[in-house]
Amino acid sequence: MNIIIGHSNTDLDCLSSMLLAKKLYTDYNVVLCDLINPVAGNLIGYYKNKINFLTTPDLKDQPIENVVIVDTSSSSRVKEFIPAIQRATGKIIIYDHHPGESNDI
């Protein structure tokens, strides 16, 4: 499975980054975190019939090949996805515009 993820407490910036990544990586699955900003939640409601969003429980015990991470490069902001990232057997690609983050992934 190939996945696109963003940071916890997904906001509009993160959600739009994931949706754009989906345009670039059409065969990847967009995975939502457990905590979502209410405004972003409204937009997710709009797209839920257009994009098959997955959640972290959907990743449990699934083989992960490639991961695209958007809007962060800090492991502390993607804690719930660490098990999936660690299982990745392929590439981990990061798109982030926050130069001051720890960049520890």
N, C-alpha and C. Protein backbone atom coordinates (compact mmCIF):
# COMPACT_ATOMS: atom_id res chain seq x y z
N MET A 1 0.84 -1.18 0.00
CA MET A 1 0.00 0.00 0.00
C MET A 1 0.89 1.24 0.00
N ASN A 2 0.52 2.22 -0.79
CA ASN A 2 1.19 3.51 -0.83
C ASN A 2 0.28 4.53 -0.16
N ILE A 3 0.85 5.38 0.70
CA ILE A 3 0.01 6.29 1.47
C ILE A 3 0.51 7.73 1.43
N ILE A 4 -0.42 8.64 1.62
CA ILE A 4 -0.16 10.08 1.78
C ILE A 4 -0.67 10.45 3.16
N ILE A 5 0.20 11.07 3.95
CA ILE A 5 -0.18 11.48 5.30
C ILE A 5 0.22 12.92 5.56
N GLY A 6 -0.42 13.51 6.55
CA GLY A 6 -0.07 14.85 7.01
C GLY A 6 0.02 14.82 8.53
N HIS A 7 0.16 15.99 9.11
CA HIS A 7 0.36 16.07 10.56
C HIS A 7 -0.94 15.92 11.35
N SER A 8 -0.79 15.64 12.63
CA SER A 8 -1.91 15.55 13.55
C SER A 8 -2.57 16.91 13.68
N ASN A 9 -3.84 16.92 14.02
CA ASN A 9 -4.66 18.13 14.04
C ASN A 9 -4.66 18.76 12.65
N THR A 10 -5.01 17.93 11.68
CA THR A 10 -5.02 18.34 10.28
C THR A 10 -5.81 19.63 10.10
N ASP A 11 -5.13 20.63 9.53
CA ASP A 11 -5.77 21.90 9.24
C ASP A 11 -5.96 22.03 7.73
N LEU A 12 -6.47 23.18 7.29
CA LEU A 12 -6.72 23.36 5.86
C LEU A 12 -5.44 23.28 5.03
N ASP A 13 -4.36 23.81 5.56
CA ASP A 13 -3.07 23.77 4.87
C ASP A 13 -2.63 22.33 4.65
N CYS A 14 -2.74 21.53 5.66
CA CYS A 14 -2.34 20.13 5.58
C CYS A 14 -3.28 19.35 4.66
N LEU A 15 -4.57 19.54 4.82
CA LEU A 15 -5.54 18.83 4.00
C LEU A 15 -5.36 19.18 2.52
N SER A 16 -5.20 20.45 2.21
CA SER A 16 -5.01 20.84 0.81
C SER A 16 -3.72 20.26 0.26
N SER A 17 -2.70 20.15 1.09
CA SER A 17 -1.44 19.53 0.66
C SER A 17 -1.64 18.05 0.35
N MET A 18 -2.42 17.37 1.18
CA MET A 18 -2.69 15.95 0.92
C MET A 18 -3.50 15.77 -0.36
N LEU A 19 -4.48 16.65 -0.59
CA LEU A 19 -5.29 16.54 -1.80
C LEU A 19 -4.46 16.83 -3.04
N LEU A 20 -3.55 17.78 -2.96
CA LEU A 20 -2.65 18.04 -4.09
C LEU A 20 -1.72 16.86 -4.32
N ALA A 21 -1.19 16.28 -3.26
CA ALA A 21 -0.33 15.10 -3.39
C ALA A 21 -1.09 13.96 -4.06
N LYS A 22 -2.37 13.84 -3.77
CA LYS A 22 -3.20 12.80 -4.40
C LYS A 22 -3.27 13.01 -5.91
N LYS A 23 -3.25 14.26 -6.35
CA LYS A 23 -3.22 14.55 -7.79
C LYS A 23 -1.91 14.08 -8.41
N LEU A 24 -0.82 14.21 -7.66
CA LEU A 24 0.50 13.80 -8.16
C LEU A 24 0.72 12.29 -8.06
N TYR A 25 0.19 11.70 -7.00
CA TYR A 25 0.37 10.28 -6.72
C TYR A 25 -1.01 9.62 -6.72
N THR A 26 -1.56 9.43 -7.89
CA THR A 26 -2.96 9.01 -8.03
C THR A 26 -3.24 7.62 -7.45
N ASP A 27 -2.23 6.76 -7.39
CA ASP A 27 -2.47 5.42 -6.87
C ASP A 27 -2.19 5.30 -5.37
N TYR A 28 -1.94 6.42 -4.71
CA TYR A 28 -1.69 6.43 -3.26
C TYR A 28 -3.00 6.67 -2.53
N ASN A 29 -3.07 6.21 -1.28
CA ASN A 29 -4.24 6.40 -0.43
C ASN A 29 -4.00 7.55 0.53
N VAL A 30 -4.97 8.45 0.64
CA VAL A 30 -4.89 9.55 1.60
C VAL A 30 -5.38 9.03 2.95
N VAL A 31 -4.51 9.17 3.96
CA VAL A 31 -4.84 8.66 5.29
C VAL A 31 -4.99 9.84 6.25
N LEU A 32 -6.15 9.92 6.88
CA LEU A 32 -6.42 11.00 7.82
C LEU A 32 -5.97 10.61 9.22
N CYS A 33 -5.53 11.60 9.96
CA CYS A 33 -5.15 11.35 11.35
C CYS A 33 -6.41 11.34 12.22
N ASP A 34 -6.22 11.01 13.48
CA ASP A 34 -7.36 10.92 14.40
C ASP A 34 -7.91 12.29 14.79
N LEU A 35 -7.05 13.30 14.82
CA LEU A 35 -7.46 14.64 15.25
C LEU A 35 -7.47 15.58 14.05
N ILE A 36 -8.65 16.14 13.76
CA ILE A 36 -8.81 17.01 12.59
C ILE A 36 -9.44 18.32 13.02
N ASN A 37 -8.86 19.42 12.56
CA ASN A 37 -9.40 20.74 12.80
C ASN A 37 -10.84 20.79 12.27
N PRO A 38 -11.78 21.39 13.01
CA PRO A 38 -13.18 21.40 12.56
C PRO A 38 -13.40 22.01 11.18
N VAL A 39 -12.67 23.04 10.84
CA VAL A 39 -12.83 23.66 9.52
C VAL A 39 -12.39 22.68 8.43
N ALA A 40 -11.28 22.00 8.66
CA ALA A 40 -10.81 20.99 7.71
C ALA A 40 -11.80 19.83 7.66
N GLY A 41 -12.41 19.52 8.78
CA GLY A 41 -13.41 18.45 8.83
C GLY A 41 -14.58 18.73 7.90
N ASN A 42 -14.97 19.99 7.81
CA ASN A 42 -16.06 20.36 6.89
C ASN A 42 -15.66 20.08 5.44
N LEU A 43 -14.44 20.39 5.08
CA LEU A 43 -13.96 20.16 3.73
C LEU A 43 -13.83 18.66 3.45
N ILE A 44 -13.40 17.92 4.44
CA ILE A 44 -13.32 16.46 4.29
C ILE A 44 -14.71 15.89 3.99
N GLY A 45 -15.72 16.45 4.65
CA GLY A 45 -17.09 16.01 4.39
C GLY A 45 -17.47 16.23 2.94
N TYR A 46 -16.99 17.30 2.34
CA TYR A 46 -17.27 17.59 0.94
C TYR A 46 -16.59 16.56 0.02
N TYR A 47 -15.37 16.20 0.34
CA TYR A 47 -14.58 15.30 -0.52
C TYR A 47 -14.79 13.82 -0.23
N LYS A 48 -15.50 13.46 0.84
CA LYS A 48 -15.55 12.05 1.23
C LYS A 48 -16.16 11.14 0.17
N ASN A 49 -17.00 11.66 -0.71
CA ASN A 49 -17.56 10.85 -1.79
C ASN A 49 -16.68 10.87 -3.04
N LYS A 50 -15.67 11.72 -3.05
CA LYS A 50 -14.77 11.83 -4.20
C LYS A 50 -13.44 11.13 -3.95
N ILE A 51 -13.03 11.07 -2.70
CA ILE A 51 -11.76 10.45 -2.32
C ILE A 51 -12.04 9.44 -1.22
N ASN A 52 -11.50 8.26 -1.37
CA ASN A 52 -11.67 7.22 -0.36
C ASN A 52 -10.63 7.43 0.73
N PHE A 53 -10.94 8.27 1.70
CA PHE A 53 -10.02 8.52 2.81
C PHE A 53 -9.89 7.28 3.68
N LEU A 54 -8.67 6.99 4.10
CA LEU A 54 -8.43 5.94 5.08
C LEU A 54 -8.12 6.59 6.41
N THR A 55 -8.15 5.80 7.48
CA THR A 55 -7.77 6.28 8.80
C THR A 55 -6.65 5.38 9.34
N THR A 56 -6.06 5.78 10.44
CA THR A 56 -4.94 5.00 10.98
C THR A 56 -5.32 3.54 11.28
N PRO A 57 -6.52 3.24 11.78
CA PRO A 57 -6.84 1.82 11.99
C PRO A 57 -6.82 1.01 10.68
N ASP A 58 -7.09 1.65 9.55
CA ASP A 58 -7.05 0.96 8.26
C ASP A 58 -5.64 0.49 7.89
N LEU A 59 -4.63 1.09 8.50
CA LEU A 59 -3.24 0.74 8.20
C LEU A 59 -2.72 -0.43 9.02
N LYS A 60 -3.43 -0.76 10.08
CA LYS A 60 -2.94 -1.80 11.00
C LYS A 60 -2.67 -3.10 10.24
N ASP A 61 -1.46 -3.57 10.40
CA ASP A 61 -1.01 -4.83 9.80
C ASP A 61 -0.99 -4.83 8.27
N GLN A 62 -1.14 -3.69 7.65
CA GLN A 62 -1.05 -3.60 6.20
C GLN A 62 0.40 -3.39 5.78
N PRO A 63 0.85 -4.03 4.72
CA PRO A 63 2.19 -3.75 4.22
C PRO A 63 2.22 -2.35 3.60
N ILE A 64 3.22 -1.57 3.97
CA ILE A 64 3.36 -0.21 3.46
C ILE A 64 4.59 -0.17 2.56
N GLU A 65 4.40 0.31 1.35
CA GLU A 65 5.53 0.41 0.44
C GLU A 65 6.11 1.82 0.45
N ASN A 66 5.37 2.79 -0.08
CA ASN A 66 5.86 4.16 -0.18
C ASN A 66 4.99 5.10 0.64
N VAL A 67 5.63 6.16 1.16
CA VAL A 67 4.92 7.14 1.99
C VAL A 67 5.24 8.54 1.48
N VAL A 68 4.21 9.35 1.31
CA VAL A 68 4.37 10.77 1.05
C VAL A 68 3.86 11.50 2.29
N ILE A 69 4.72 12.33 2.87
CA ILE A 69 4.37 13.11 4.06
C ILE A 69 4.31 14.57 3.63
N VAL A 70 3.21 15.24 3.97
CA VAL A 70 3.06 16.65 3.59
C VAL A 70 2.90 17.54 4.82
N ASP A 71 3.33 18.76 4.68
CA ASP A 71 3.14 19.84 5.65
C ASP A 71 3.89 19.66 6.96
N THR A 72 4.80 18.70 7.03
CA THR A 72 5.65 18.54 8.20
C THR A 72 6.82 17.62 7.85
N SER A 73 7.90 17.78 8.58
CA SER A 73 9.03 16.85 8.47
C SER A 73 9.48 16.43 9.87
N SER A 74 8.59 16.64 10.83
CA SER A 74 8.88 16.35 12.24
C SER A 74 8.12 15.10 12.69
N SER A 75 8.85 14.14 13.22
CA SER A 75 8.21 12.90 13.67
C SER A 75 7.21 13.14 14.80
N SER A 76 7.42 14.18 15.59
CA SER A 76 6.50 14.45 16.69
C SER A 76 5.12 14.87 16.20
N ARG A 77 5.02 15.31 14.96
CA ARG A 77 3.73 15.74 14.41
C ARG A 77 3.00 14.62 13.66
N VAL A 78 3.66 13.46 13.51
CA VAL A 78 3.03 12.33 12.84
C VAL A 78 3.11 11.07 13.69
N LYS A 79 3.07 11.24 15.01
CA LYS A 79 3.27 10.12 15.94
C LYS A 79 2.40 8.91 15.64
N GLU A 80 1.14 9.14 15.32
CA GLU A 80 0.24 8.00 15.11
C GLU A 80 0.58 7.22 13.83
N PHE A 81 1.37 7.82 12.96
CA PHE A 81 1.76 7.15 11.72
C PHE A 81 3.14 6.50 11.79
N ILE A 82 3.86 6.66 12.89
CA ILE A 82 5.22 6.12 13.00
C ILE A 82 5.28 4.62 12.71
N PRO A 83 4.37 3.80 13.25
CA PRO A 83 4.45 2.37 12.91
C PRO A 83 4.36 2.11 11.40
N ALA A 84 3.50 2.83 10.70
CA ALA A 84 3.37 2.66 9.25
C ALA A 84 4.63 3.15 8.53
N ILE A 85 5.17 4.28 8.97
CA ILE A 85 6.39 4.81 8.36
C ILE A 85 7.54 3.83 8.55
N GLN A 86 7.64 3.24 9.73
CA GLN A 86 8.72 2.29 10.00
C GLN A 86 8.58 1.01 9.19
N ARG A 87 7.35 0.65 8.81
CA ARG A 87 7.14 -0.55 7.99
C ARG A 87 7.37 -0.30 6.51
N ALA A 88 7.52 0.95 6.10
CA ALA A 88 7.67 1.27 4.68
C ALA A 88 8.91 0.60 4.10
N THR A 89 8.72 -0.04 2.98
CA THR A 89 9.82 -0.73 2.32
C THR A 89 10.38 0.04 1.13
N GLY A 90 9.69 1.10 0.74
CA GLY A 90 10.11 1.89 -0.42
C GLY A 90 10.56 3.27 -0.02
N LYS A 91 10.12 4.24 -0.78
CA LYS A 91 10.53 5.63 -0.57
C LYS A 91 9.65 6.35 0.45
N ILE A 92 10.28 7.30 1.14
CA ILE A 92 9.57 8.25 1.98
C ILE A 92 9.87 9.62 1.39
N ILE A 93 8.84 10.28 0.89
CA ILE A 93 8.98 11.58 0.25
C ILE A 93 8.30 12.61 1.13
N ILE A 94 8.99 13.72 1.38
CA ILE A 94 8.46 14.76 2.27
C ILE A 94 8.31 16.07 1.49
N TYR A 95 7.14 16.67 1.58
CA TYR A 95 6.88 18.01 1.05
C TYR A 95 6.52 18.89 2.25
N ASP A 96 7.40 19.82 2.59
CA ASP A 96 7.18 20.66 3.76
C ASP A 96 7.67 22.07 3.47
N HIS A 97 6.98 23.04 3.99
CA HIS A 97 7.37 24.44 3.82
C HIS A 97 7.68 25.11 5.17
N HIS A 98 7.98 24.31 6.17
CA HIS A 98 8.33 24.83 7.49
C HIS A 98 9.83 24.64 7.72
N PRO A 99 10.66 25.61 7.36
CA PRO A 99 12.11 25.42 7.46
C PRO A 99 12.64 25.26 8.87
N GLY A 100 11.91 25.67 9.88
CA GLY A 100 12.41 25.61 11.25
C GLY A 100 12.11 24.31 11.97
N GLU A 101 11.41 23.37 11.33
CA GLU A 101 11.06 22.11 11.99
C GLU A 101 12.29 21.22 12.14
N SER A 102 12.14 20.20 12.94
CA SER A 102 13.28 19.34 13.30
C SER A 102 13.80 18.49 12.15
N ASN A 103 13.00 18.23 11.13
CA ASN A 103 13.44 17.42 9.99
C ASN A 103 14.03 16.09 10.42
N ASP A 104 13.37 15.38 11.33
CA ASP A 104 13.94 14.16 11.88
C ASP A 104 13.32 12.87 11.32
N ILE A 105 12.55 12.98 10.27
CA ILE A 105 12.00 11.76 9.68
C ILE A 105 13.02 11.22 8.68
